Amino acid sequence: MGKPRGAASVVIVSPEGNILLVPDGSFFQLPGGKIRENEFPRDAAVRETAEEVGKWIDLASLEPLCKTRFLQKGKQRTHHFFLYRMNKEEVMLPPVGANTPTPFWMPIQQAKNRKNFRCWHYRIAINTAQTTLKEKVEV
């Protein structure tokens, strides 16, 4: 595969309103990662989520959430965020791999106030997800 073309992450929301976070040392991040050459952002989000949290998400179930732009080694990159709403019947499998950290659930309000995210744009995605979820409920 070629050089990464940005990143794609998923805000996974449980029916109870919690989001899934992945520990990364003393930081937290959303499931996701680098987009490979010739890979679409949605495909990268699905692949990375399966790798990190053991959950294959149907492409059609991902809702575009927001995009952030950032500089990485002097090149502009885009981080694509998607929203995935779990239903009550779904089960999360443990991630595979000896060094894979165990994801955990956190209430969305508590998560958006955390200061120790790996990247600043995770907070933007969580805030956008919370707003999107409220709008869908109020309609």
Protein backbone atom coordinates (compact mmCIF):
# COMPACT_ATOMS: atom_id res chain seq x y z
CA MET A 1 0.00 0.00 0.00
CA GLY A 2 1.04 3.60 -0.53
CA LYS A 3 1.28 6.56 1.80
CA PRO A 4 -1.68 7.41 4.04
CA ARG A 5 -4.18 9.90 2.67
CA GLY A 6 -5.54 11.29 5.90
CA ALA A 7 -7.58 9.50 8.51
CA ALA A 8 -11.07 8.17 9.19
CA SER A 9 -12.71 7.55 12.57
CA VAL A 10 -16.09 6.47 13.87
CA VAL A 11 -18.10 7.82 16.79
CA ILE A 12 -19.88 4.63 17.90
CA VAL A 13 -22.92 5.41 20.05
CA SER A 14 -24.72 2.83 22.18
CA PRO A 15 -28.51 2.90 22.61
CA GLU A 16 -27.86 4.31 26.12
CA GLY A 17 -25.97 7.31 24.70
CA ASN A 18 -22.43 6.18 25.51
CA ILE A 19 -19.56 6.35 23.03
CA LEU A 20 -16.78 3.86 22.52
CA LEU A 21 -13.25 5.07 23.22
CA VAL A 22 -9.93 3.34 22.67
CA PRO A 23 -7.09 3.91 25.15
CA ASP A 24 -3.79 5.02 23.63
CA GLY A 25 -1.23 5.23 26.43
CA SER A 26 -2.40 8.06 28.69
CA PHE A 27 -4.67 9.37 25.92
CA PHE A 28 -8.01 8.36 24.41
CA GLN A 29 -9.03 8.16 20.79
CA LEU A 30 -11.99 7.15 18.66
CA PRO A 31 -11.81 3.93 16.66
CA GLY A 32 -10.17 4.73 13.35
CA GLY A 33 -6.88 5.33 11.63
CA LYS A 34 -5.03 6.14 8.44
CA ILE A 35 -6.64 5.94 5.02
CA ARG A 36 -4.60 3.77 2.69
CA GLU A 37 -3.82 4.68 -0.89
CA ASN A 38 -6.81 4.01 -3.16
CA GLU A 39 -9.07 3.48 -0.13
CA PHE A 40 -12.23 5.48 0.45
CA PRO A 41 -12.67 7.12 3.88
CA ARG A 42 -15.74 4.97 4.72
CA ASP A 43 -13.82 1.80 3.87
CA ALA A 44 -10.93 2.91 6.08
CA ALA A 45 -13.34 3.66 8.93
CA VAL A 46 -14.88 0.18 8.66
CA ARG A 47 -11.49 -1.56 8.43
CA GLU A 48 -9.94 0.37 11.31
CA THR A 49 -12.98 -0.12 13.54
CA ALA A 50 -12.86 -3.88 12.94
CA GLU A 51 -9.14 -3.91 13.77
CA GLU A 52 -9.43 -1.81 16.92
CA VAL A 53 -12.72 -2.87 18.47
CA GLY A 54 -13.63 -6.16 16.80
CA LYS A 55 -16.76 -4.75 15.16
CA TRP A 56 -17.49 -4.91 11.43
CA ILE A 57 -19.81 -2.05 10.58
CA ASP A 58 -22.02 -2.05 7.51
CA LEU A 59 -20.93 0.76 5.17
CA ALA A 60 -24.55 1.79 4.63
CA SER A 61 -25.00 2.31 8.39
CA LEU A 62 -22.24 4.92 8.67
CA GLU A 63 -23.47 8.50 8.70
CA PRO A 64 -21.03 11.21 7.59
CA LEU A 65 -20.46 13.42 10.62
CA CYS A 66 -17.75 16.02 9.92
CA LYS A 67 -14.28 16.58 8.48
CA THR A 68 -11.31 18.37 9.95
CA ARG A 69 -8.20 19.47 8.09
CA PHE A 70 -4.71 19.44 9.58
CA LEU A 71 -1.06 19.66 8.59
CA GLN A 72 1.05 16.55 8.87
CA LYS A 73 4.72 16.83 7.95
CA GLY A 74 3.97 19.93 5.91
CA LYS A 75 1.09 18.35 3.93
CA GLN A 76 -2.57 19.08 4.39
CA ARG A 77 -4.58 16.03 5.47
CA THR A 78 -8.26 15.46 6.16
CA HIS A 79 -9.73 13.51 9.05
CA HIS A 80 -13.17 12.10 8.14
CA PHE A 81 -15.54 11.30 10.99
CA PHE A 82 -18.59 9.07 10.79
CA LEU A 83 -21.41 8.30 13.21
CA TYR A 84 -22.57 4.76 13.91
CA ARG A 85 -25.62 4.06 16.08
CA MET A 86 -25.61 0.61 17.61
CA ASN A 87 -28.88 -1.18 18.18
CA LYS A 88 -29.69 -3.19 21.31
CA GLU A 89 -29.07 -6.54 19.65
CA GLU A 90 -25.52 -5.78 18.56
CA VAL A 91 -22.54 -7.21 20.37
CA MET A 92 -18.99 -5.88 20.45
CA LEU A 93 -16.28 -8.50 20.14
CA PRO A 94 -12.96 -8.02 21.91
CA PRO A 95 -10.20 -6.72 19.62
CA VAL A 96 -7.72 -9.25 18.31
CA GLY A 97 -4.01 -8.94 19.02
CA ALA A 98 -1.70 -9.17 21.99
CA ASN A 99 -1.01 -5.44 22.21
CA THR A 100 -4.49 -4.19 21.36
CA PRO A 101 -5.94 -2.00 24.15
CA THR A 102 -9.44 -2.80 25.36
CA PRO A 103 -12.04 -0.22 24.24
CA PHE A 104 -14.50 1.08 26.82
CA TRP A 105 -17.79 2.99 26.96
CA MET A 106 -18.17 6.50 28.35
CA PRO A 107 -21.22 8.79 28.50
CA ILE A 108 -21.01 11.25 25.61
CA GLN A 109 -21.28 14.29 27.89
CA GLN A 110 -18.40 13.06 30.03
CA ALA A 111 -16.31 12.14 26.97
CA LYS A 112 -16.66 15.53 25.33
CA ASN A 113 -15.25 17.20 28.44
CA ARG A 114 -12.13 15.00 28.55
CA LYS A 115 -8.86 16.84 28.03
CA ASN A 116 -6.66 13.87 27.15
CA PHE A 117 -7.64 13.00 23.59
CA ARG A 118 -4.85 12.03 21.21
CA CYS A 119 -5.95 14.75 18.72
CA TRP A 120 -7.97 17.95 19.15
CA HIS A 121 -10.35 17.00 16.35
CA TYR A 122 -11.81 14.07 18.33
CA ARG A 123 -13.54 16.59 20.59
CA ILE A 124 -15.02 18.33 17.53
CA ALA A 125 -16.40 15.01 16.26
CA ILE A 126 -17.89 14.12 19.67
CA ASN A 127 -19.55 17.55 19.96
CA THR A 128 -20.91 17.20 16.43
CA ALA A 129 -22.21 13.71 17.22
CA GLN A 130 -23.97 14.95 20.34
CA THR A 131 -25.62 17.78 18.38
CA THR A 132 -26.63 15.38 15.59
CA LEU A 133 -28.13 12.92 18.07
CA LYS A 134 -30.15 15.68 19.77
CA GLU A 135 -31.44 16.97 16.43
CA LYS A 136 -32.62 13.49 15.38
CA VAL A 137 -34.48 13.02 18.67
CA GLU A 138 -36.17 16.44 18.56
CA VAL A 139 -37.46 16.05 14.99
